[in-house]
Amino acid sequence: MEFSQATVFDVLDLCGVAVFAASGAVLAIKRKFDIVGLLTLAFVAALGGGVLRDLLLSRGVPVAFDNPKYAIVAFITGVVIVPAQHLIERLWRPVLVLDAAGLGLFCVTGASIAAERGLAAIPAVMVGVVTATGGGVIRDVLAGEAPQVFQQDSVLYVIPAALGALAIVVAHGFGQLNLSVSISAALLVTAVRVASLKFRWHAPLPHWPQLNR
C-alpha cells in the first residue's frame, strides 16, 4: 500500500505526541500531581514543541489548537498512564526512553516541515531542534525541575536532535526525503540519546580562563 509523505509525517507526529505525553504523565505521577496537573503536563509535553514550531513558521493557528486529534491523543495517553501509578518507581527510567523517542520523532517532523516551507538549512535545523526539545523544557519547568537541556551534568540532548534534523534537511535538499530516511533518522536520534543516558556522554564544557581578582 502506498502512503503519501504527508500521511507518513502525520503518523510520526502523532507518535511523537503520544510518547511525549506519556513522559509528561509519568513525570506528573512522580511529582504526585492530581489528574488536572497530570493532563496539563501530558498536554504541554506533547504539544509545546509543535506550538513553538508553528509560531516560528508563522503557520497561523498552531496545529495543536486547530486539529483536535493531537490534544485527544495527548489526553488519552495521559489517562492510560494513570493505572500504572503503583509502578512509578520503575517508570522513571522508561520516561527517559520515551523522551528520547519523542526527541527523535519530533526533530524529524519539525525539520521536515521547515524544509518543506523553504527555510534554509540552518534555520530548518533550528526549527527541528526547537520542535524536539520545546515540549520537554516546558514540561520540566511546570514540574518544578531544571530542564534537562540546561542542567550542568546533562547528557547529550540537543546535539542528537540537531544531527537528526540536519540529516532530514540534507535528505530534503537532495530530494531523497522519504519514509525510510525519516524513520532511520528518528531511530538514530533515539539510539544516541539512550546511549548517552547509559554511558553518560556529555557535551564538552568550555574552559574559561581564571580571572585574577
N, C-alpha and C. Protein backbone atom coordinates (compact mmCIF):
# COMPACT_ATOMS: atom_id res chain seq x y z
N MET A 1 0.85 -1.20 0.00
CA MET A 1 0.00 0.00 0.00
C MET A 1 0.88 1.24 0.00
N GLU A 2 0.53 2.19 -0.84
CA GLU A 2 1.30 3.42 -0.95
C GLU A 2 0.78 4.46 0.05
N PHE A 3 1.69 5.11 0.72
CA PHE A 3 1.34 6.18 1.64
C PHE A 3 2.01 7.46 1.18
N SER A 4 1.27 8.56 1.22
CA SER A 4 1.85 9.84 0.84
C SER A 4 2.80 10.30 1.93
N GLN A 5 3.73 11.17 1.54
CA GLN A 5 4.69 11.70 2.51
C GLN A 5 3.97 12.44 3.62
N ALA A 6 2.88 13.16 3.27
CA ALA A 6 2.12 13.90 4.28
C ALA A 6 1.53 12.94 5.32
N THR A 7 1.03 11.79 4.86
CA THR A 7 0.45 10.81 5.77
C THR A 7 1.52 10.25 6.69
N VAL A 8 2.69 9.97 6.14
CA VAL A 8 3.79 9.42 6.93
C VAL A 8 4.18 10.38 8.05
N PHE A 9 4.36 11.65 7.70
CA PHE A 9 4.77 12.61 8.70
C PHE A 9 3.67 12.87 9.72
N ASP A 10 2.41 12.75 9.30
CA ASP A 10 1.30 12.89 10.22
C ASP A 10 1.33 11.78 11.25
N VAL A 11 1.60 10.56 10.81
CA VAL A 11 1.68 9.42 11.73
C VAL A 11 2.85 9.59 12.68
N LEU A 12 4.01 10.00 12.15
CA LEU A 12 5.18 10.22 13.00
C LEU A 12 4.91 11.31 14.03
N ASP A 13 4.22 12.36 13.61
CA ASP A 13 3.88 13.45 14.50
C ASP A 13 3.00 12.96 15.65
N LEU A 14 2.00 12.14 15.33
CA LEU A 14 1.10 11.60 16.36
C LEU A 14 1.85 10.65 17.30
N CYS A 15 2.78 9.89 16.77
CA CYS A 15 3.60 9.01 17.61
C CYS A 15 4.44 9.85 18.58
N GLY A 16 5.00 10.94 18.08
CA GLY A 16 5.76 11.84 18.94
C GLY A 16 4.88 12.44 20.02
N VAL A 17 3.66 12.83 19.66
CA VAL A 17 2.72 13.37 20.63
C VAL A 17 2.46 12.35 21.74
N ALA A 18 2.24 11.10 21.36
CA ALA A 18 1.93 10.06 22.34
C ALA A 18 3.09 9.81 23.30
N VAL A 19 4.31 9.69 22.77
CA VAL A 19 5.42 9.36 23.65
C VAL A 19 5.79 10.53 24.55
N PHE A 20 5.69 11.75 24.06
CA PHE A 20 5.96 12.90 24.92
C PHE A 20 4.86 13.08 25.96
N ALA A 21 3.60 12.81 25.57
CA ALA A 21 2.51 12.87 26.54
C ALA A 21 2.73 11.86 27.65
N ALA A 22 3.20 10.67 27.28
CA ALA A 22 3.49 9.64 28.28
C ALA A 22 4.59 10.11 29.23
N SER A 23 5.62 10.76 28.67
CA SER A 23 6.71 11.25 29.52
C SER A 23 6.20 12.31 30.49
N GLY A 24 5.31 13.19 30.01
CA GLY A 24 4.74 14.21 30.89
C GLY A 24 3.87 13.60 31.97
N ALA A 25 3.07 12.60 31.62
CA ALA A 25 2.19 11.95 32.59
C ALA A 25 2.99 11.22 33.66
N VAL A 26 4.04 10.53 33.25
CA VAL A 26 4.86 9.80 34.21
C VAL A 26 5.56 10.77 35.17
N LEU A 27 6.05 11.88 34.62
CA LEU A 27 6.69 12.88 35.49
C LEU A 27 5.68 13.46 36.47
N ALA A 28 4.44 13.69 36.02
CA ALA A 28 3.40 14.21 36.89
C ALA A 28 3.09 13.23 38.02
N ILE A 29 3.07 11.94 37.71
CA ILE A 29 2.83 10.94 38.74
C ILE A 29 3.98 10.94 39.74
N LYS A 30 5.20 11.05 39.23
CA LYS A 30 6.37 11.08 40.10
C LYS A 30 6.31 12.27 41.04
N ARG A 31 5.80 13.40 40.55
CA ARG A 31 5.71 14.61 41.37
C ARG A 31 4.41 14.66 42.18
N LYS A 32 3.58 13.59 42.08
CA LYS A 32 2.33 13.47 42.84
C LYS A 32 1.33 14.57 42.48
N PHE A 33 1.22 14.90 41.20
CA PHE A 33 0.22 15.85 40.73
C PHE A 33 -1.14 15.18 40.71
N ASP A 34 -2.21 16.00 40.80
CA ASP A 34 -3.56 15.44 40.65
C ASP A 34 -3.84 15.24 39.16
N ILE A 35 -5.07 14.80 38.84
CA ILE A 35 -5.39 14.44 37.46
C ILE A 35 -5.32 15.66 36.55
N VAL A 36 -5.68 16.84 37.06
CA VAL A 36 -5.60 18.06 36.25
C VAL A 36 -4.14 18.37 35.92
N GLY A 37 -3.29 18.29 36.93
CA GLY A 37 -1.88 18.53 36.70
C GLY A 37 -1.27 17.51 35.75
N LEU A 38 -1.70 16.25 35.89
CA LEU A 38 -1.19 15.20 35.02
C LEU A 38 -1.55 15.46 33.56
N LEU A 39 -2.82 15.77 33.31
CA LEU A 39 -3.25 16.01 31.93
C LEU A 39 -2.62 17.27 31.36
N THR A 40 -2.43 18.28 32.21
CA THR A 40 -1.77 19.51 31.75
C THR A 40 -0.33 19.23 31.35
N LEU A 41 0.37 18.47 32.19
CA LEU A 41 1.77 18.16 31.88
C LEU A 41 1.88 17.28 30.64
N ALA A 42 0.94 16.34 30.49
CA ALA A 42 0.94 15.50 29.29
C ALA A 42 0.71 16.35 28.05
N PHE A 43 -0.21 17.32 28.14
CA PHE A 43 -0.54 18.18 27.00
C PHE A 43 0.64 19.05 26.60
N VAL A 44 1.25 19.74 27.56
CA VAL A 44 2.33 20.66 27.20
C VAL A 44 3.57 19.91 26.75
N ALA A 45 3.83 18.74 27.35
CA ALA A 45 4.99 17.96 26.93
C ALA A 45 4.81 17.48 25.49
N ALA A 46 3.58 17.08 25.16
CA ALA A 46 3.30 16.54 23.84
C ALA A 46 3.23 17.60 22.76
N LEU A 47 2.69 18.77 23.08
CA LEU A 47 2.35 19.74 22.05
C LEU A 47 3.11 21.06 22.14
N GLY A 48 3.86 21.25 23.22
CA GLY A 48 4.58 22.51 23.39
C GLY A 48 5.56 22.78 22.27
N GLY A 49 6.34 21.76 21.88
CA GLY A 49 7.32 21.94 20.81
C GLY A 49 6.66 22.23 19.48
N GLY A 50 5.54 21.57 19.21
CA GLY A 50 4.82 21.81 17.96
C GLY A 50 4.23 23.21 17.90
N VAL A 51 3.74 23.70 19.03
CA VAL A 51 3.20 25.06 19.08
C VAL A 51 4.31 26.08 18.78
N LEU A 52 5.47 25.89 19.42
CA LEU A 52 6.60 26.78 19.14
C LEU A 52 7.00 26.72 17.68
N ARG A 53 7.01 25.51 17.11
CA ARG A 53 7.35 25.34 15.68
C ARG A 53 6.40 26.13 14.80
N ASP A 54 5.10 26.00 15.05
CA ASP A 54 4.12 26.68 14.20
C ASP A 54 4.20 28.19 14.35
N LEU A 55 4.50 28.67 15.55
CA LEU A 55 4.65 30.10 15.75
C LEU A 55 5.88 30.62 15.01
N LEU A 56 6.98 29.88 15.09
CA LEU A 56 8.20 30.29 14.40
C LEU A 56 8.01 30.31 12.89
N LEU A 57 7.21 29.38 12.38
CA LEU A 57 7.00 29.29 10.93
C LEU A 57 5.80 30.11 10.46
N SER A 58 5.17 30.85 11.39
CA SER A 58 4.01 31.68 11.04
C SER A 58 2.95 30.86 10.30
N ARG A 59 2.60 29.73 10.85
CA ARG A 59 1.63 28.85 10.21
C ARG A 59 0.20 29.16 10.61
N GLY A 60 -0.01 30.31 11.25
CA GLY A 60 -1.36 30.65 11.70
C GLY A 60 -1.64 29.99 13.04
N VAL A 61 -2.87 29.56 13.24
CA VAL A 61 -3.24 28.88 14.49
C VAL A 61 -2.44 27.58 14.59
N PRO A 62 -1.70 27.37 15.68
CA PRO A 62 -0.91 26.14 15.81
C PRO A 62 -1.79 24.90 15.61
N VAL A 63 -1.21 23.89 14.99
CA VAL A 63 -1.96 22.66 14.70
C VAL A 63 -2.54 22.06 15.97
N ALA A 64 -1.83 22.19 17.09
CA ALA A 64 -2.30 21.62 18.35
C ALA A 64 -3.66 22.16 18.76
N PHE A 65 -3.97 23.41 18.35
CA PHE A 65 -5.25 24.03 18.70
C PHE A 65 -6.24 24.00 17.55
N ASP A 66 -5.75 23.78 16.35
CA ASP A 66 -6.61 23.79 15.18
C ASP A 66 -7.17 22.41 14.86
N ASN A 67 -6.42 21.36 15.23
CA ASN A 67 -6.84 19.99 14.94
C ASN A 67 -6.95 19.23 16.26
N PRO A 68 -8.16 18.85 16.66
CA PRO A 68 -8.37 18.24 17.98
C PRO A 68 -7.70 16.88 18.18
N LYS A 69 -7.31 16.23 17.10
CA LYS A 69 -6.77 14.87 17.27
C LYS A 69 -5.49 14.86 18.09
N TYR A 70 -4.70 15.94 18.01
CA TYR A 70 -3.46 15.99 18.75
C TYR A 70 -3.72 16.06 20.26
N ALA A 71 -4.63 16.93 20.65
CA ALA A 71 -4.98 17.03 22.07
C ALA A 71 -5.63 15.74 22.55
N ILE A 72 -6.46 15.12 21.71
CA ILE A 72 -7.11 13.87 22.09
C ILE A 72 -6.08 12.78 22.35
N VAL A 73 -5.10 12.66 21.46
CA VAL A 73 -4.05 11.66 21.65
C VAL A 73 -3.27 11.93 22.94
N ALA A 74 -2.97 13.20 23.19
CA ALA A 74 -2.22 13.55 24.40
C ALA A 74 -3.01 13.21 25.65
N PHE A 75 -4.29 13.56 25.69
CA PHE A 75 -5.10 13.31 26.87
C PHE A 75 -5.36 11.82 27.08
N ILE A 76 -5.63 11.10 26.00
CA ILE A 76 -5.86 9.66 26.12
C ILE A 76 -4.60 8.97 26.65
N THR A 77 -3.46 9.37 26.13
CA THR A 77 -2.20 8.78 26.61
C THR A 77 -2.01 9.05 28.09
N GLY A 78 -2.31 10.29 28.52
CA GLY A 78 -2.18 10.62 29.94
C GLY A 78 -3.09 9.77 30.80
N VAL A 79 -4.33 9.55 30.35
CA VAL A 79 -5.28 8.75 31.12
C VAL A 79 -4.83 7.29 31.19
N VAL A 80 -4.30 6.79 30.09
CA VAL A 80 -3.85 5.39 30.06
C VAL A 80 -2.70 5.16 31.04
N ILE A 81 -1.89 6.19 31.25
CA ILE A 81 -0.75 6.06 32.15
C ILE A 81 -1.18 5.96 33.61
N VAL A 82 -2.35 6.54 33.95
CA VAL A 82 -2.79 6.63 35.35
C VAL A 82 -2.83 5.29 36.07
N PRO A 83 -3.37 4.22 35.47
CA PRO A 83 -3.40 2.94 36.21
C PRO A 83 -2.04 2.40 36.58
N ALA A 84 -0.99 2.93 36.00
CA ALA A 84 0.36 2.43 36.28
C ALA A 84 1.03 3.20 37.42
N GLN A 85 0.24 3.94 38.22
CA GLN A 85 0.84 4.76 39.27
C GLN A 85 1.69 3.93 40.25
N HIS A 86 1.24 2.71 40.54
CA HIS A 86 1.97 1.90 41.52
C HIS A 86 3.33 1.45 41.00
N LEU A 87 3.55 1.66 39.69
CA LEU A 87 4.83 1.28 39.10
C LEU A 87 5.75 2.47 38.90
N ILE A 88 5.41 3.60 39.53
CA ILE A 88 6.09 4.84 39.23
C ILE A 88 7.60 4.76 39.44
N GLU A 89 8.03 4.05 40.49
CA GLU A 89 9.47 3.98 40.74
C GLU A 89 10.19 3.25 39.61
N ARG A 90 9.50 2.31 38.98
CA ARG A 90 10.09 1.58 37.87
C ARG A 90 9.98 2.37 36.56
N LEU A 91 9.08 3.34 36.53
CA LEU A 91 8.80 4.06 35.29
C LEU A 91 9.74 5.23 35.04
N TRP A 92 10.54 5.62 36.02
CA TRP A 92 11.36 6.82 35.79
C TRP A 92 12.38 6.60 34.69
N ARG A 93 12.98 5.41 34.63
CA ARG A 93 13.90 5.14 33.53
C ARG A 93 13.17 5.08 32.19
N PRO A 94 12.00 4.40 32.10
CA PRO A 94 11.25 4.42 30.84
C PRO A 94 10.85 5.82 30.39
N VAL A 95 10.61 6.75 31.32
CA VAL A 95 10.21 8.10 30.89
C VAL A 95 11.33 8.75 30.10
N LEU A 96 12.58 8.44 30.47
CA LEU A 96 13.71 8.99 29.73
C LEU A 96 13.82 8.36 28.34
N VAL A 97 13.47 7.06 28.25
CA VAL A 97 13.47 6.40 26.95
C VAL A 97 12.35 6.97 26.07
N LEU A 98 11.17 7.19 26.68
CA LEU A 98 10.07 7.80 25.94
C LEU A 98 10.45 9.20 25.46
N ASP A 99 11.12 9.94 26.33
CA ASP A 99 11.57 11.28 25.97
C ASP A 99 12.54 11.20 24.79
N ALA A 100 13.41 10.20 24.79
CA ALA A 100 14.36 10.02 23.69
C ALA A 100 13.63 9.70 22.39
N ALA A 101 12.60 8.86 22.47
CA ALA A 101 11.82 8.53 21.27
C ALA A 101 11.09 9.76 20.74
N GLY A 102 10.53 10.56 21.65
CA GLY A 102 9.87 11.79 21.23
C GLY A 102 10.84 12.77 20.61
N LEU A 103 12.04 12.82 21.18
CA LEU A 103 13.09 13.69 20.63
C LEU A 103 13.37 13.33 19.18
N GLY A 104 13.51 12.03 18.92
CA GLY A 104 13.79 11.58 17.56
C GLY A 104 12.66 11.86 16.59
N LEU A 105 11.44 11.57 17.01
CA LEU A 105 10.29 11.76 16.13
C LEU A 105 10.03 13.23 15.83
N PHE A 106 10.13 14.07 16.86
CA PHE A 106 9.79 15.49 16.67
C PHE A 106 10.87 16.26 15.91
N CYS A 107 12.13 15.89 16.08
CA CYS A 107 13.15 16.60 15.30
C CYS A 107 12.99 16.30 13.82
N VAL A 108 12.53 15.07 13.51
CA VAL A 108 12.28 14.70 12.12
C VAL A 108 11.11 15.48 11.54
N THR A 109 9.99 15.50 12.24
CA THR A 109 8.81 16.19 11.70
C THR A 109 9.02 17.70 11.66
N GLY A 110 9.66 18.25 12.70
CA GLY A 110 9.90 19.70 12.71
C GLY A 110 10.80 20.15 11.59
N ALA A 111 11.91 19.43 11.39
CA ALA A 111 12.83 19.78 10.31
C ALA A 111 12.19 19.57 8.94
N SER A 112 11.37 18.53 8.81
CA SER A 112 10.71 18.25 7.53
C SER A 112 9.76 19.38 7.15
N ILE A 113 8.96 19.81 8.12
CA ILE A 113 8.00 20.89 7.85
C ILE A 113 8.74 22.18 7.50
N ALA A 114 9.82 22.47 8.25
CA ALA A 114 10.59 23.69 7.98
C ALA A 114 11.22 23.64 6.59
N ALA A 115 11.77 22.48 6.22
CA ALA A 115 12.39 22.35 4.89
C ALA A 115 11.35 22.47 3.79
N GLU A 116 10.17 21.89 4.01
CA GLU A 116 9.10 21.97 3.01
C GLU A 116 8.63 23.40 2.81
N ARG A 117 8.76 24.22 3.83
CA ARG A 117 8.35 25.63 3.72
C ARG A 117 9.44 26.50 3.12
N GLY A 118 10.55 25.89 2.75
CA GLY A 118 11.59 26.62 2.04
C GLY A 118 12.63 27.29 2.90
N LEU A 119 12.70 26.96 4.19
CA LEU A 119 13.72 27.56 5.04
C LEU A 119 15.10 27.05 4.64
N ALA A 120 16.09 27.90 4.83
CA ALA A 120 17.47 27.49 4.58
C ALA A 120 17.88 26.43 5.59
N ALA A 121 19.01 25.79 5.34
CA ALA A 121 19.39 24.62 6.13
C ALA A 121 19.49 24.91 7.63
N ILE A 122 20.24 25.94 8.01
CA ILE A 122 20.46 26.21 9.43
C ILE A 122 19.16 26.55 10.16
N PRO A 123 18.33 27.48 9.63
CA PRO A 123 17.05 27.73 10.29
C PRO A 123 16.16 26.49 10.37
N ALA A 124 16.17 25.66 9.33
CA ALA A 124 15.34 24.45 9.34
C ALA A 124 15.80 23.49 10.44
N VAL A 125 17.12 23.37 10.60
CA VAL A 125 17.65 22.52 11.67
C VAL A 125 17.25 23.08 13.04
N MET A 126 17.33 24.40 13.18
CA MET A 126 16.96 25.02 14.45
C MET A 126 15.49 24.79 14.78
N VAL A 127 14.63 24.88 13.77
CA VAL A 127 13.21 24.61 13.99
C VAL A 127 13.00 23.15 14.42
N GLY A 128 13.76 22.24 13.80
CA GLY A 128 13.68 20.84 14.20
C GLY A 128 14.08 20.65 15.66
N VAL A 129 15.12 21.32 16.08
CA VAL A 129 15.59 21.21 17.47
C VAL A 129 14.56 21.79 18.43
N VAL A 130 14.01 22.95 18.10
CA VAL A 130 13.00 23.57 18.97
C VAL A 130 11.77 22.67 19.07
N THR A 131 11.35 22.09 17.95
CA THR A 131 10.21 21.19 17.97
C THR A 131 10.46 20.00 18.88
N ALA A 132 11.69 19.49 18.83
CA ALA A 132 12.03 18.29 19.60
C ALA A 132 12.21 18.55 21.08
N THR A 133 12.73 19.72 21.43
CA THR A 133 13.09 19.98 22.83
C THR A 133 12.13 20.91 23.55
N GLY A 134 11.32 21.67 22.81
CA GLY A 134 10.47 22.68 23.44
C GLY A 134 9.49 22.12 24.44
N GLY A 135 8.80 21.04 24.08
CA GLY A 135 7.82 20.45 24.98
C GLY A 135 8.46 19.92 26.25
N GLY A 136 9.63 19.30 26.11
CA GLY A 136 10.33 18.78 27.29
C GLY A 136 10.77 19.88 28.23
N VAL A 137 11.22 21.01 27.67
CA VAL A 137 11.63 22.14 28.50
C VAL A 137 10.44 22.69 29.28
N ILE A 138 9.31 22.90 28.58
CA ILE A 138 8.11 23.41 29.26
C ILE A 138 7.63 22.43 30.31
N ARG A 139 7.65 21.14 29.98
CA ARG A 139 7.24 20.09 30.92
C ARG A 139 8.04 20.16 32.21
N ASP A 140 9.36 20.25 32.08
CA ASP A 140 10.22 20.25 33.26
C ASP A 140 10.02 21.51 34.10
N VAL A 141 9.86 22.66 33.43
CA VAL A 141 9.65 23.91 34.16
C VAL A 141 8.36 23.85 34.96
N LEU A 142 7.27 23.38 34.35
CA LEU A 142 5.99 23.29 35.05
C LEU A 142 6.05 22.28 36.19
N ALA A 143 6.90 21.28 36.06
CA ALA A 143 7.03 20.27 37.12
C ALA A 143 8.00 20.71 38.22
N GLY A 144 8.54 21.91 38.09
CA GLY A 144 9.45 22.43 39.11
C GLY A 144 10.84 21.85 39.05
N GLU A 145 11.25 21.40 37.85
CA GLU A 145 12.58 20.84 37.70
C GLU A 145 13.37 21.65 36.68
N ALA A 146 14.69 21.66 36.85
CA ALA A 146 15.53 22.33 35.87
C ALA A 146 15.47 21.54 34.57
N PRO A 147 15.17 22.19 33.44
CA PRO A 147 15.12 21.46 32.17
C PRO A 147 16.39 20.68 31.93
N GLN A 148 16.24 19.45 31.44
CA GLN A 148 17.40 18.58 31.23
C GLN A 148 18.46 19.26 30.37
N VAL A 149 18.00 20.00 29.36
CA VAL A 149 18.95 20.59 28.42
C VAL A 149 19.83 21.63 29.08
N PHE A 150 19.41 22.20 30.23
CA PHE A 150 20.18 23.25 30.88
C PHE A 150 20.93 22.77 32.11
N GLN A 151 20.79 21.51 32.48
CA GLN A 151 21.48 21.02 33.67
C GLN A 151 22.98 20.85 33.39
N GLN A 152 23.78 21.19 34.37
CA GLN A 152 25.23 21.16 34.19
C GLN A 152 25.73 19.76 33.86
N ASP A 153 25.09 18.75 34.48
CA ASP A 153 25.54 17.38 34.26
C ASP A 153 24.67 16.63 33.25
N SER A 154 23.91 17.39 32.43
CA SER A 154 23.01 16.74 31.48
C SER A 154 23.80 16.02 30.40
N VAL A 155 23.24 14.91 29.97
CA VAL A 155 23.87 14.17 28.88
C VAL A 155 23.34 14.71 27.56
N LEU A 156 23.86 14.18 26.46
CA LEU A 156 23.54 14.71 25.13
C LEU A 156 22.03 14.75 24.90
N TYR A 157 21.52 15.90 24.50
CA TYR A 157 20.09 16.09 24.28
C TYR A 157 19.86 16.89 23.00
N VAL A 158 20.36 18.11 22.99
CA VAL A 158 20.19 18.97 21.82
C VAL A 158 21.01 18.46 20.64
N ILE A 159 22.23 17.98 20.92
CA ILE A 159 23.11 17.55 19.83
C ILE A 159 22.50 16.41 19.01
N PRO A 160 21.95 15.35 19.62
CA PRO A 160 21.31 14.31 18.80
C PRO A 160 20.15 14.86 17.97
N ALA A 161 19.35 15.76 18.57
CA ALA A 161 18.24 16.34 17.84
C ALA A 161 18.73 17.15 16.65
N ALA A 162 19.82 17.90 16.85
CA ALA A 162 20.37 18.70 15.76
C ALA A 162 20.91 17.82 14.64
N LEU A 163 21.54 16.71 15.00
CA LEU A 163 22.07 15.80 13.99
C LEU A 163 20.93 15.15 13.20
N GLY A 164 19.87 14.76 13.90
CA GLY A 164 18.71 14.17 13.21
C GLY A 164 18.05 15.17 12.28
N ALA A 165 17.89 16.41 12.77
CA ALA A 165 17.29 17.45 11.93
C ALA A 165 18.17 17.75 10.72
N LEU A 166 19.48 17.76 10.93
CA LEU A 166 20.40 18.01 9.82
C LEU A 166 20.29 16.91 8.77
N ALA A 167 20.18 15.66 9.21
CA ALA A 167 20.04 14.55 8.26
C ALA A 167 18.78 14.72 7.40
N ILE A 168 17.70 15.17 8.04
CA ILE A 168 16.45 15.37 7.30
C ILE A 168 16.59 16.51 6.30
N VAL A 169 17.21 17.60 6.71
CA VAL A 169 17.37 18.75 5.82
C VAL A 169 18.26 18.40 4.63
N VAL A 170 19.33 17.66 4.88
CA VAL A 170 20.22 17.24 3.79
C VAL A 170 19.47 16.32 2.83
N ALA A 171 18.73 15.36 3.37
CA ALA A 171 17.96 14.44 2.51
C ALA A 171 16.94 15.21 1.68
N HIS A 172 16.29 16.20 2.29
CA HIS A 172 15.32 17.01 1.55
C HIS A 172 16.02 17.79 0.45
N GLY A 173 17.19 18.32 0.73
CA GLY A 173 17.92 19.08 -0.26
C GLY A 173 18.31 18.27 -1.47
N PHE A 174 18.56 16.98 -1.26
CA PHE A 174 18.92 16.10 -2.38
C PHE A 174 17.71 15.38 -2.96
N GLY A 175 16.51 15.73 -2.48
CA GLY A 175 15.29 15.11 -2.99
C GLY A 175 15.15 13.65 -2.60
N GLN A 176 15.76 13.26 -1.47
CA GLN A 176 15.74 11.87 -1.04
C GLN A 176 14.98 11.66 0.27
N LEU A 177 14.18 12.64 0.64
CA LEU A 177 13.45 12.52 1.90
C LEU A 177 12.25 11.60 1.71
N ASN A 178 12.25 10.47 2.41
CA ASN A 178 11.16 9.51 2.31
C ASN A 178 10.96 8.83 3.66
N LEU A 179 10.06 7.84 3.69
CA LEU A 179 9.74 7.17 4.95
C LEU A 179 10.95 6.51 5.57
N SER A 180 11.74 5.81 4.77
CA SER A 180 12.90 5.09 5.31
C SER A 180 13.90 6.05 5.93
N VAL A 181 14.17 7.16 5.25
CA VAL A 181 15.12 8.15 5.78
C VAL A 181 14.58 8.75 7.07
N SER A 182 13.29 9.07 7.08
CA SER A 182 12.69 9.69 8.27
C SER A 182 12.75 8.77 9.47
N ILE A 183 12.36 7.51 9.29
CA ILE A 183 12.39 6.55 10.40
C ILE A 183 13.82 6.28 10.85
N SER A 184 14.74 6.17 9.90
CA SER A 184 16.14 5.93 10.24
C SER A 184 16.70 7.08 11.07
N ALA A 185 16.38 8.31 10.67
CA ALA A 185 16.87 9.47 11.41
C ALA A 185 16.30 9.50 12.82
N ALA A 186 14.99 9.22 12.94
CA ALA A 186 14.35 9.20 14.27
C ALA A 186 14.96 8.13 15.16
N LEU A 187 15.20 6.94 14.61
CA LEU A 187 15.79 5.85 15.38
C LEU A 187 17.22 6.18 15.79
N LEU A 188 17.97 6.83 14.90
CA LEU A 188 19.35 7.19 15.22
C LEU A 188 19.39 8.18 16.37
N VAL A 189 18.53 9.20 16.32
CA VAL A 189 18.49 10.19 17.40
C VAL A 189 18.12 9.51 18.71
N THR A 190 17.12 8.64 18.67
CA THR A 190 16.69 7.93 19.88
C THR A 190 17.83 7.08 20.43
N ALA A 191 18.52 6.37 19.55
CA ALA A 191 19.61 5.49 19.98
C ALA A 191 20.75 6.29 20.61
N VAL A 192 21.11 7.41 20.00
CA VAL A 192 22.20 8.23 20.54
C VAL A 192 21.82 8.80 21.90
N ARG A 193 20.56 9.24 22.02
CA ARG A 193 20.10 9.79 23.30
C ARG A 193 20.10 8.70 24.39
N VAL A 194 19.59 7.52 24.07
CA VAL A 194 19.56 6.43 25.05
C VAL A 194 20.98 6.00 25.42
N ALA A 195 21.87 5.92 24.43
CA ALA A 195 23.26 5.56 24.70
C ALA A 195 23.93 6.60 25.59
N SER A 196 23.61 7.86 25.35
CA SER A 196 24.21 8.92 26.18
C SER A 196 23.72 8.83 27.62
N LEU A 197 22.46 8.38 27.81
CA LEU A 197 21.95 8.18 29.16
C LEU A 197 22.67 7.03 29.86
N LYS A 198 22.94 5.99 29.11
CA LYS A 198 23.58 4.81 29.68
C LYS A 198 25.06 5.04 29.98
N PHE A 199 25.74 5.68 29.04
CA PHE A 199 27.18 5.84 29.17
C PHE A 199 27.60 7.23 29.65
N ARG A 200 26.57 8.09 29.94
CA ARG A 200 26.83 9.42 30.47
C ARG A 200 27.70 10.26 29.55
N TRP A 201 27.31 10.32 28.28
CA TRP A 201 28.01 11.17 27.32
C TRP A 201 27.57 12.61 27.52
N HIS A 202 28.51 13.51 27.62
CA HIS A 202 28.22 14.92 27.84
C HIS A 202 28.78 15.76 26.70
N ALA A 203 28.14 16.89 26.48
CA ALA A 203 28.72 17.87 25.55
C ALA A 203 29.95 18.47 26.21
N PRO A 204 30.95 18.87 25.42
CA PRO A 204 32.17 19.44 26.02
C PRO A 204 31.87 20.75 26.75
N LEU A 205 32.53 20.93 27.87
CA LEU A 205 32.38 22.15 28.64
C LEU A 205 33.44 23.16 28.22
N PRO A 206 33.07 24.42 28.08
CA PRO A 206 34.09 25.43 27.76
C PRO A 206 34.99 25.66 28.96
N HIS A 207 36.27 25.84 28.71
CA HIS A 207 37.22 26.09 29.78
C HIS A 207 37.55 27.59 29.79
N TRP A 208 36.91 28.27 30.74
CA TRP A 208 37.11 29.71 30.80
C TRP A 208 38.41 30.02 31.54
N PRO A 209 39.13 31.04 31.10
CA PRO A 209 40.37 31.42 31.81
C PRO A 209 40.06 31.95 33.21
N GLN A 210 40.92 31.62 34.16
CA GLN A 210 40.75 32.11 35.51
C GLN A 210 41.08 33.60 35.57
N LEU A 211 40.17 34.37 36.12
CA LEU A 211 40.37 35.80 36.21
C LEU A 211 40.94 36.16 37.59
N ASN A 212 41.96 37.00 37.57
CA ASN A 212 42.54 37.46 38.85
C ASN A 212 41.61 38.47 39.49
N ARG A 213 41.43 38.30 40.77
CA ARG A 213 40.57 39.24 41.48
C ARG A 213 41.40 40.17 42.34
